[in-house]
Amino acid sequence: MIIKNILITGASSGIGEALALHYAKLPQTENLFLCARNSERLEAVKKACQNQGSAKIYTKILDITDKTAVENWINEAEKTAYLNLVFANAGVATLEETPQNIFNTFNTNVMGVINTVTPVVELYKKRQDKNKIIAITASIAGYHGLPTCPSYSASKACVKAYGEALRLSLLPYNIQVNTICPGFVRSRITDKNTCPMPFFMEAAPAAALIANRIEKNIGLISFPFPMRFASWFISILPNFLSDLIYKHLPNKA
């Protein structure tokens, strides 16, 4: 698998930024297509990537909830260079479960992923090569509904299941799909979190781990292991036991 041309949504901070910097320094990377909503942060990431290596960096300011804008951007990128790896990475979380915040969370975390993945699948299906990867960022929070973040954990559960299903349905087209379920990784989301964050990771090592496991074609990239195991274990418990566990979790501020 040769990965030369990479597209990343939500590339201005967190895992998206770290992935951009990781691939920018690899000698085989030729083109990086990055998008985000914040122009200043995205421009800073672009400059940092240019300092890492010789890849061409293309940036776009857009909101992934805008279906037409995302589709047009992806089609433009594909015309520039055949995409090998697309990260549907952009996502949001909310500190307050208001009706509008809940809608925004699902609109970005679910529909934003669909808006990104759908045009990529259509482009990939037209190609006969095998260098076609889609990576979807879900979360360990998607293993089980969390009382501290109902809309976030539910939205991530949705895209986790979506990614796992796509991996199987797209096999006949030689399209590789990897679903990423990180634990607590430094980002603008975790910077706002005042709850305990066990096994906290910086974004750079998380990005390196993700890239390595994509190269090995590990379908579900879930880390760190203690968080993955704990989340899985709680998900298989009877409700009365998981209820007892969650009652003792600290509330978010």
C-alpha atoms as a PDB file:
ATOM      1  CA  MET A   1       0.000   0.000   0.000  1.00  0.00           C
ATOM      2  CA  ILE A   2       1.475   3.318  -1.127  1.00  0.00           C
ATOM      3  CA  ILE A   3      -0.011   6.377   0.562  1.00  0.00           C
ATOM      4  CA  LYS A   4       0.925   9.533  -1.322  1.00  0.00           C
ATOM      5  CA  ASN A   5      -2.154  11.734  -1.248  1.00  0.00           C
ATOM      6  CA  ILE A   6      -4.056  12.297   1.989  1.00  0.00           C
ATOM      7  CA  LEU A   7      -7.179  14.298   2.792  1.00  0.00           C
ATOM      8  CA  ILE A   8      -8.059  15.215   6.381  1.00  0.00           C
ATOM      9  CA  THR A   9     -11.126  16.973   7.778  1.00  0.00           C
ATOM     10  CA  GLY A  10     -10.850  18.768  11.102  1.00  0.00           C
ATOM     11  CA  ALA A  11      -7.160  19.357  10.472  1.00  0.00           C
ATOM     12  CA  SER A  12      -6.695  22.535  12.499  1.00  0.00           C
ATOM     13  CA  SER A  13      -6.269  20.922  15.926  1.00  0.00           C
ATOM     14  CA  GLY A  14      -6.085  17.704  17.907  1.00  0.00           C
ATOM     15  CA  ILE A  15      -5.720  14.392  16.110  1.00  0.00           C
ATOM     16  CA  GLY A  16      -6.390  15.989  12.711  1.00  0.00           C
ATOM     17  CA  GLU A  17      -3.512  18.426  13.116  1.00  0.00           C
ATOM     18  CA  ALA A  18      -1.221  15.683  14.423  1.00  0.00           C
ATOM     19  CA  LEU A  19      -2.078  13.425  11.479  1.00  0.00           C
ATOM     20  CA  ALA A  20      -1.326  16.243   9.042  1.00  0.00           C
ATOM     21  CA  LEU A  21       2.069  16.841  10.643  1.00  0.00           C
ATOM     22  CA  HIS A  22       2.818  13.119  10.749  1.00  0.00           C
ATOM     23  CA  TYR A  23       2.146  12.548   7.061  1.00  0.00           C
ATOM     24  CA  ALA A  24       3.800  15.819   6.035  1.00  0.00           C
ATOM     25  CA  LYS A  25       7.171  14.560   7.244  1.00  0.00           C
ATOM     26  CA  LEU A  26       6.976  11.219   5.407  1.00  0.00           C
ATOM     27  CA  PRO A  27       9.049  11.239   2.191  1.00  0.00           C
ATOM     28  CA  GLN A  28       6.405   9.398   0.153  1.00  0.00           C
ATOM     29  CA  THR A  29       3.694  11.979   0.874  1.00  0.00           C
ATOM     30  CA  GLU A  30       3.117  14.157  -2.186  1.00  0.00           C
ATOM     31  CA  ASN A  31      -0.118  16.031  -1.452  1.00  0.00           C
ATOM     32  CA  LEU A  32      -2.016  16.908   1.711  1.00  0.00           C
ATOM     33  CA  PHE A  33      -5.555  18.266   1.507  1.00  0.00           C
ATOM     34  CA  LEU A  34      -6.664  19.821   4.790  1.00  0.00           C
ATOM     35  CA  CYS A  35      -9.911  21.442   5.833  1.00  0.00           C
ATOM     36  CA  ALA A  36     -11.269  23.096   8.962  1.00  0.00           C
ATOM     37  CA  ARG A  37     -13.543  25.948   9.987  1.00  0.00           C
ATOM     38  CA  ASN A  38     -10.913  28.119  11.663  1.00  0.00           C
ATOM     39  CA  SER A  39      -8.745  29.881   9.081  1.00  0.00           C
ATOM     40  CA  GLU A  40      -6.009  31.067  11.470  1.00  0.00           C
ATOM     41  CA  ARG A  41      -5.399  27.668  13.027  1.00  0.00           C
ATOM     42  CA  LEU A  42      -5.533  25.928   9.646  1.00  0.00           C
ATOM     43  CA  GLU A  43      -3.002  28.354   8.184  1.00  0.00           C
ATOM     44  CA  ALA A  44      -0.689  27.668  11.130  1.00  0.00           C
ATOM     45  CA  VAL A  45      -0.978  23.920  10.506  1.00  0.00           C
ATOM     46  CA  LYS A  46      -0.245  24.471   6.815  1.00  0.00           C
ATOM     47  CA  LYS A  47       2.958  26.358   7.613  1.00  0.00           C
ATOM     48  CA  ALA A  48       4.017  23.712  10.130  1.00  0.00           C
ATOM     49  CA  CYS A  49       3.444  20.982   7.532  1.00  0.00           C
ATOM     50  CA  GLN A  50       5.469  22.881   4.946  1.00  0.00           C
ATOM     51  CA  ASN A  51       8.341  22.988   7.420  1.00  0.00           C
ATOM     52  CA  GLN A  52       8.141  19.209   7.892  1.00  0.00           C
ATOM     53  CA  GLY A  53       8.727  18.047   4.317  1.00  0.00           C
ATOM     54  CA  SER A  54       8.258  18.598   0.602  1.00  0.00           C
ATOM     55  CA  ALA A  55       4.578  17.665   0.238  1.00  0.00           C
ATOM     56  CA  LYS A  56       2.229  20.175  -1.358  1.00  0.00           C
ATOM     57  CA  ILE A  57      -0.309  21.444   1.156  1.00  0.00           C
ATOM     58  CA  TYR A  58      -3.797  22.473   0.043  1.00  0.00           C
ATOM     59  CA  THR A  59      -6.178  24.012   2.571  1.00  0.00           C
ATOM     60  CA  LYS A  60      -9.891  24.726   2.492  1.00  0.00           C
ATOM     61  CA  ILE A  61     -12.083  26.574   4.961  1.00  0.00           C
ATOM     62  CA  LEU A  62     -15.396  24.769   5.168  1.00  0.00           C
ATOM     63  CA  ASP A  63     -17.952  23.244   7.495  1.00  0.00           C
ATOM     64  CA  ILE A  64     -18.412  19.507   6.976  1.00  0.00           C
ATOM     65  CA  THR A  65     -22.143  19.853   7.590  1.00  0.00           C
ATOM     66  CA  ASP A  66     -22.302  21.611   4.200  1.00  0.00           C
ATOM     67  CA  LYS A  67     -22.809  18.561   1.975  1.00  0.00           C
ATOM     68  CA  THR A  68     -22.315  20.352  -1.344  1.00  0.00           C
ATOM     69  CA  ALA A  69     -19.188  22.205  -0.231  1.00  0.00           C
ATOM     70  CA  VAL A  70     -17.587  19.013   1.078  1.00  0.00           C
ATOM     71  CA  GLU A  71     -18.410  17.071  -2.084  1.00  0.00           C
ATOM     72  CA  ASN A  72     -17.024  19.825  -4.310  1.00  0.00           C
ATOM     73  CA  TRP A  73     -13.822  20.023  -2.264  1.00  0.00           C
ATOM     74  CA  ILE A  74     -13.268  16.270  -2.395  1.00  0.00           C
ATOM     75  CA  ASN A  75     -13.869  16.185  -6.143  1.00  0.00           C
ATOM     76  CA  GLU A  76     -11.393  19.042  -6.617  1.00  0.00           C
ATOM     77  CA  ALA A  77      -8.797  17.194  -4.549  1.00  0.00           C
ATOM     78  CA  GLU A  78      -9.288  13.991  -6.548  1.00  0.00           C
ATOM     79  CA  LYS A  79      -8.743  15.925  -9.784  1.00  0.00           C
ATOM     80  CA  THR A  80      -5.455  17.240  -8.401  1.00  0.00           C
ATOM     81  CA  ALA A  81      -4.199  13.824  -7.271  1.00  0.00           C
ATOM     82  CA  TYR A  82      -5.809  10.422  -6.806  1.00  0.00           C
ATOM     83  CA  LEU A  83      -6.627  10.226  -3.113  1.00  0.00           C
ATOM     84  CA  ASN A  84      -5.124   7.269  -1.253  1.00  0.00           C
ATOM     85  CA  LEU A  85      -6.260   8.012   2.286  1.00  0.00           C
ATOM     86  CA  VAL A  86      -9.200  10.085   3.514  1.00  0.00           C
ATOM     87  CA  PHE A  87      -9.705  10.855   7.201  1.00  0.00           C
ATOM     88  CA  ALA A  88     -13.299  11.674   8.139  1.00  0.00           C
ATOM     89  CA  ASN A  89     -11.990  13.151  11.346  1.00  0.00           C
ATOM     90  CA  ALA A  90     -13.783  16.409  12.166  1.00  0.00           C
ATOM     91  CA  GLY A  91     -16.015  16.291  15.220  1.00  0.00           C
ATOM     92  CA  VAL A  92     -17.416  18.326  18.088  1.00  0.00           C
ATOM     93  CA  ALA A  93     -18.517  17.814  21.680  1.00  0.00           C
ATOM     94  CA  THR A  94     -20.774  19.862  23.899  1.00  0.00           C
ATOM     95  CA  LEU A  95     -20.556  20.811  27.565  1.00  0.00           C
ATOM     96  CA  GLU A  96     -24.306  21.389  27.829  1.00  0.00           C
ATOM     97  CA  GLU A  97     -27.004  19.094  26.424  1.00  0.00           C
ATOM     98  CA  THR A  98     -29.320  21.762  25.024  1.00  0.00           C
ATOM     99  CA  PRO A  99     -31.549  20.921  22.026  1.00  0.00           C
ATOM    100  CA  GLN A 100     -29.407  23.044  19.702  1.00  0.00           C
ATOM    101  CA  ASN A 101     -26.141  21.599  20.991  1.00  0.00           C
ATOM    102  CA  ILE A 102     -27.473  18.064  20.600  1.00  0.00           C
ATOM    103  CA  PHE A 103     -28.495  18.795  17.014  1.00  0.00           C
ATOM    104  CA  ASN A 104     -25.111  20.356  16.242  1.00  0.00           C
ATOM    105  CA  THR A 105     -23.286  17.357  17.717  1.00  0.00           C
ATOM    106  CA  PHE A 106     -25.181  14.842  15.589  1.00  0.00           C
ATOM    107  CA  ASN A 107     -25.085  17.062  12.517  1.00  0.00           C
ATOM    108  CA  THR A 108     -21.289  17.358  12.679  1.00  0.00           C
ATOM    109  CA  ASN A 109     -20.283  13.981  14.088  1.00  0.00           C
ATOM    110  CA  VAL A 110     -22.677  11.857  12.044  1.00  0.00           C
ATOM    111  CA  MET A 111     -23.834  13.778   8.984  1.00  0.00           C
ATOM    112  CA  GLY A 112     -20.412  15.403   8.624  1.00  0.00           C
ATOM    113  CA  VAL A 113     -18.821  11.958   8.414  1.00  0.00           C
ATOM    114  CA  ILE A 114     -21.431  10.812   5.900  1.00  0.00           C
ATOM    115  CA  ASN A 115     -20.920  13.988   3.855  1.00  0.00           C
ATOM    116  CA  THR A 116     -17.203  13.173   3.730  1.00  0.00           C
ATOM    117  CA  VAL A 117     -17.342   9.437   3.162  1.00  0.00           C
ATOM    118  CA  THR A 118     -20.118   9.235   0.555  1.00  0.00           C
ATOM    119  CA  PRO A 119     -18.387  11.150  -2.277  1.00  0.00           C
ATOM    120  CA  VAL A 120     -15.099   9.388  -1.512  1.00  0.00           C
ATOM    121  CA  VAL A 121     -16.743   5.977  -1.860  1.00  0.00           C
ATOM    122  CA  GLU A 122     -18.200   6.971  -5.225  1.00  0.00           C
ATOM    123  CA  LEU A 123     -14.792   8.138  -6.457  1.00  0.00           C
ATOM    124  CA  TYR A 124     -13.007   5.065  -5.125  1.00  0.00           C
ATOM    125  CA  LYS A 125     -15.478   2.687  -6.787  1.00  0.00           C
ATOM    126  CA  LYS A 126     -14.551   4.104 -10.186  1.00  0.00           C
ATOM    127  CA  ARG A 127     -10.890   3.240  -9.691  1.00  0.00           C
ATOM    128  CA  GLN A 128      -9.272  -0.164 -10.145  1.00  0.00           C
ATOM    129  CA  ASP A 129      -6.219   0.413  -7.939  1.00  0.00           C
ATOM    130  CA  LYS A 130      -5.944  -0.876  -4.376  1.00  0.00           C
ATOM    131  CA  ASN A 131      -4.521   2.288  -2.789  1.00  0.00           C
ATOM    132  CA  LYS A 132      -7.887   3.419  -1.430  1.00  0.00           C
ATOM    133  CA  ILE A 133      -8.391   3.934   2.302  1.00  0.00           C
ATOM    134  CA  ILE A 134     -11.111   5.601   4.362  1.00  0.00           C
ATOM    135  CA  ALA A 135     -10.443   6.243   8.064  1.00  0.00           C
ATOM    136  CA  ILE A 136     -13.333   7.318  10.274  1.00  0.00           C
ATOM    137  CA  THR A 137     -12.700   8.887  13.671  1.00  0.00           C
ATOM    138  CA  ALA A 138     -15.168   7.603  16.255  1.00  0.00           C
ATOM    139  CA  SER A 139     -14.284   7.345  19.957  1.00  0.00           C
ATOM    140  CA  ILE A 140     -13.995   4.910  22.831  1.00  0.00           C
ATOM    141  CA  ALA A 141     -17.024   6.836  24.097  1.00  0.00           C
ATOM    142  CA  GLY A 142     -18.933   5.054  21.322  1.00  0.00           C
ATOM    143  CA  TYR A 143     -18.633   1.649  23.010  1.00  0.00           C
ATOM    144  CA  HIS A 144     -21.351   2.458  25.547  1.00  0.00           C
ATOM    145  CA  GLY A 145     -23.650   5.394  26.218  1.00  0.00           C
ATOM    146  CA  LEU A 146     -22.016   7.763  28.697  1.00  0.00           C
ATOM    147  CA  PRO A 147     -24.229   9.740  31.099  1.00  0.00           C
ATOM    148  CA  THR A 148     -21.737  12.621  31.129  1.00  0.00           C
ATOM    149  CA  CYS A 149     -21.977  13.116  27.343  1.00  0.00           C
ATOM    150  CA  PRO A 150     -25.108  11.464  25.910  1.00  0.00           C
ATOM    151  CA  SER A 151     -25.136  13.127  22.492  1.00  0.00           C
ATOM    152  CA  TYR A 152     -21.385  12.786  21.960  1.00  0.00           C
ATOM    153  CA  SER A 153     -21.219   9.094  22.903  1.00  0.00           C
ATOM    154  CA  ALA A 154     -24.342   8.329  20.857  1.00  0.00           C
ATOM    155  CA  SER A 155     -22.987  10.114  17.781  1.00  0.00           C
ATOM    156  CA  LYS A 156     -19.672   8.280  18.068  1.00  0.00           C
ATOM    157  CA  ALA A 157     -21.455   4.944  18.514  1.00  0.00           C
ATOM    158  CA  CYS A 158     -23.228   5.674  15.246  1.00  0.00           C
ATOM    159  CA  VAL A 159     -20.074   6.353  13.236  1.00  0.00           C
ATOM    160  CA  LYS A 160     -18.284   3.413  14.876  1.00  0.00           C
ATOM    161  CA  ALA A 161     -20.998   1.066  13.632  1.00  0.00           C
ATOM    162  CA  TYR A 162     -21.046   2.836  10.264  1.00  0.00           C
ATOM    163  CA  GLY A 163     -17.302   2.388   9.805  1.00  0.00           C
ATOM    164  CA  GLU A 164     -17.373  -1.263  10.839  1.00  0.00           C
ATOM    165  CA  ALA A 165     -20.217  -1.975   8.407  1.00  0.00           C
ATOM    166  CA  LEU A 166     -18.555  -0.080   5.550  1.00  0.00           C
ATOM    167  CA  ARG A 167     -15.364  -2.081   6.012  1.00  0.00           C
ATOM    168  CA  LEU A 168     -17.234  -5.250   5.072  1.00  0.00           C
ATOM    169  CA  SER A 169     -19.524  -3.796   2.418  1.00  0.00           C
ATOM    170  CA  LEU A 170     -16.657  -2.148   0.501  1.00  0.00           C
ATOM    171  CA  LEU A 171     -14.333  -5.166   0.455  1.00  0.00           C
ATOM    172  CA  PRO A 172     -15.442  -6.166  -3.083  1.00  0.00           C
ATOM    173  CA  TYR A 173     -14.222  -2.756  -4.319  1.00  0.00           C
ATOM    174  CA  ASN A 174     -10.764  -3.100  -2.735  1.00  0.00           C
ATOM    175  CA  ILE A 175     -11.554  -0.171  -0.447  1.00  0.00           C
ATOM    176  CA  GLN A 176      -9.965  -0.366   2.998  1.00  0.00           C
ATOM    177  CA  VAL A 177     -11.962   1.127   5.872  1.00  0.00           C
ATOM    178  CA  ASN A 178     -10.493   1.699   9.335  1.00  0.00           C
ATOM    179  CA  THR A 179     -12.488   2.938  12.307  1.00  0.00           C
ATOM    180  CA  ILE A 180     -10.541   4.914  14.910  1.00  0.00           C
ATOM    181  CA  CYS A 181     -11.681   4.907  18.542  1.00  0.00           C
ATOM    182  CA  PRO A 182      -9.290   7.018  20.616  1.00  0.00           C
ATOM    183  CA  GLY A 183      -9.494   7.496  24.339  1.00  0.00           C
ATOM    184  CA  PHE A 184      -8.477  10.835  25.826  1.00  0.00           C
ATOM    185  CA  VAL A 185      -6.159  12.548  23.327  1.00  0.00           C
ATOM    186  CA  ARG A 186      -5.145  16.190  23.614  1.00  0.00           C
ATOM    187  CA  SER A 187      -7.490  18.351  21.564  1.00  0.00           C
ATOM    188  CA  ARG A 188      -9.681  21.419  21.879  1.00  0.00           C
ATOM    189  CA  ILE A 189     -12.351  19.058  23.218  1.00  0.00           C
ATOM    190  CA  THR A 190     -10.206  17.593  26.014  1.00  0.00           C
ATOM    191  CA  ASP A 191      -8.807  21.037  26.839  1.00  0.00           C
ATOM    192  CA  LYS A 192     -12.329  21.957  28.003  1.00  0.00           C
ATOM    193  CA  ASN A 193     -12.787  18.777  30.009  1.00  0.00           C
ATOM    194  CA  THR A 194     -12.413  19.126  33.779  1.00  0.00           C
ATOM    195  CA  CYS A 195     -13.145  15.458  34.566  1.00  0.00           C
ATOM    196  CA  PRO A 196     -10.398  12.910  35.231  1.00  0.00           C
ATOM    197  CA  MET A 197      -8.930  11.634  31.946  1.00  0.00           C
ATOM    198  CA  PRO A 198      -7.160   8.310  32.577  1.00  0.00           C
ATOM    199  CA  PHE A 199      -4.411   7.190  30.186  1.00  0.00           C
ATOM    200  CA  PHE A 200      -4.318  10.647  28.588  1.00  0.00           C
ATOM    201  CA  MET A 201      -2.242  10.827  25.383  1.00  0.00           C
ATOM    202  CA  GLU A 202      -0.643  13.659  23.470  1.00  0.00           C
ATOM    203  CA  ALA A 203      -1.827  14.017  19.882  1.00  0.00           C
ATOM    204  CA  ALA A 204       1.495  13.264  18.142  1.00  0.00           C
ATOM    205  CA  PRO A 205       1.996   9.716  19.491  1.00  0.00           C
ATOM    206  CA  ALA A 206      -1.698   9.036  18.922  1.00  0.00           C
ATOM    207  CA  ALA A 207      -1.334  10.042  15.263  1.00  0.00           C
ATOM    208  CA  ALA A 208       1.744   7.845  14.848  1.00  0.00           C
ATOM    209  CA  LEU A 209      -0.130   4.896  16.358  1.00  0.00           C
ATOM    210  CA  ILE A 210      -3.106   5.484  14.043  1.00  0.00           C
ATOM    211  CA  ALA A 211      -0.899   5.697  10.948  1.00  0.00           C
ATOM    212  CA  ASN A 212       0.916   2.501  11.900  1.00  0.00           C
ATOM    213  CA  ARG A 213      -2.297   0.543  12.396  1.00  0.00           C
ATOM    214  CA  ILE A 214      -3.803   1.853   9.175  1.00  0.00           C
ATOM    215  CA  GLU A 215      -0.714   0.597   7.366  1.00  0.00           C
ATOM    216  CA  LYS A 216      -1.291  -2.808   8.999  1.00  0.00           C
ATOM    217  CA  ASN A 217      -4.987  -2.608   8.049  1.00  0.00           C
ATOM    218  CA  ILE A 218      -6.329  -3.114  11.553  1.00  0.00           C
ATOM    219  CA  GLY A 219     -10.062  -2.602  11.170  1.00  0.00           C
ATOM    220  CA  LEU A 220     -10.827  -1.158  14.601  1.00  0.00           C
ATOM    221  CA  ILE A 221      -8.065   1.091  15.888  1.00  0.00           C
ATOM    222  CA  SER A 222      -9.027   1.480  19.538  1.00  0.00           C
ATOM    223  CA  PHE A 223      -6.596   2.764  22.148  1.00  0.00           C
ATOM    224  CA  PRO A 224      -5.202   2.888  24.755  1.00  0.00           C
ATOM    225  CA  PHE A 225      -5.815  -0.769  25.572  1.00  0.00           C
ATOM    226  CA  PRO A 226      -6.899  -0.308  29.230  1.00  0.00           C
ATOM    227  CA  MET A 227      -9.594   2.164  28.127  1.00  0.00           C
ATOM    228  CA  ARG A 228     -10.677  -0.100  25.290  1.00  0.00           C
ATOM    229  CA  PHE A 229     -10.954  -3.109  27.586  1.00  0.00           C
ATOM    230  CA  ALA A 230     -12.835  -1.193  30.285  1.00  0.00           C
ATOM    231  CA  SER A 231     -15.305   0.244  27.763  1.00  0.00           C
ATOM    232  CA  TRP A 232     -15.873  -3.144  26.162  1.00  0.00           C
ATOM    233  CA  PHE A 233     -16.294  -4.821  29.539  1.00  0.00           C
ATOM    234  CA  ILE A 234     -18.895  -2.304  30.708  1.00  0.00           C
ATOM    235  CA  SER A 235     -20.768  -2.727  27.417  1.00  0.00           C
ATOM    236  CA  ILE A 236     -21.307  -6.466  28.057  1.00  0.00           C
ATOM    237  CA  LEU A 237     -22.400  -6.125  31.684  1.00  0.00           C
ATOM    238  CA  PRO A 238     -26.054  -6.408  32.710  1.00  0.00           C
ATOM    239  CA  ASN A 239     -27.654  -2.980  32.962  1.00  0.00           C
ATOM    240  CA  PHE A 240     -27.910  -3.018  36.749  1.00  0.00           C
ATOM    241  CA  LEU A 241     -24.143  -3.483  37.042  1.00  0.00           C
ATOM    242  CA  SER A 242     -23.221  -0.839  34.475  1.00  0.00           C
ATOM    243  CA  ASP A 243     -25.688   1.516  36.186  1.00  0.00           C
ATOM    244  CA  LEU A 244     -23.853   1.012  39.476  1.00  0.00           C
ATOM    245  CA  ILE A 245     -20.513   1.781  37.835  1.00  0.00           C
ATOM    246  CA  TYR A 246     -21.749   4.940  36.121  1.00  0.00           C
ATOM    247  CA  LYS A 247     -23.354   6.216  39.325  1.00  0.00           C
ATOM    248  CA  HIS A 248     -19.855   6.477  40.791  1.00  0.00           C
ATOM    249  CA  LEU A 249     -18.357   8.364  37.854  1.00  0.00           C
ATOM    250  CA  PRO A 250     -17.628  12.068  38.460  1.00  0.00           C
ATOM    251  CA  ASN A 251     -19.944  14.526  36.761  1.00  0.00           C
ATOM    252  CA  LYS A 252     -18.405  16.864  34.222  1.00  0.00           C
ATOM    253  CA  ALA A 253     -18.185  20.513  35.157  1.00  0.00           C
END
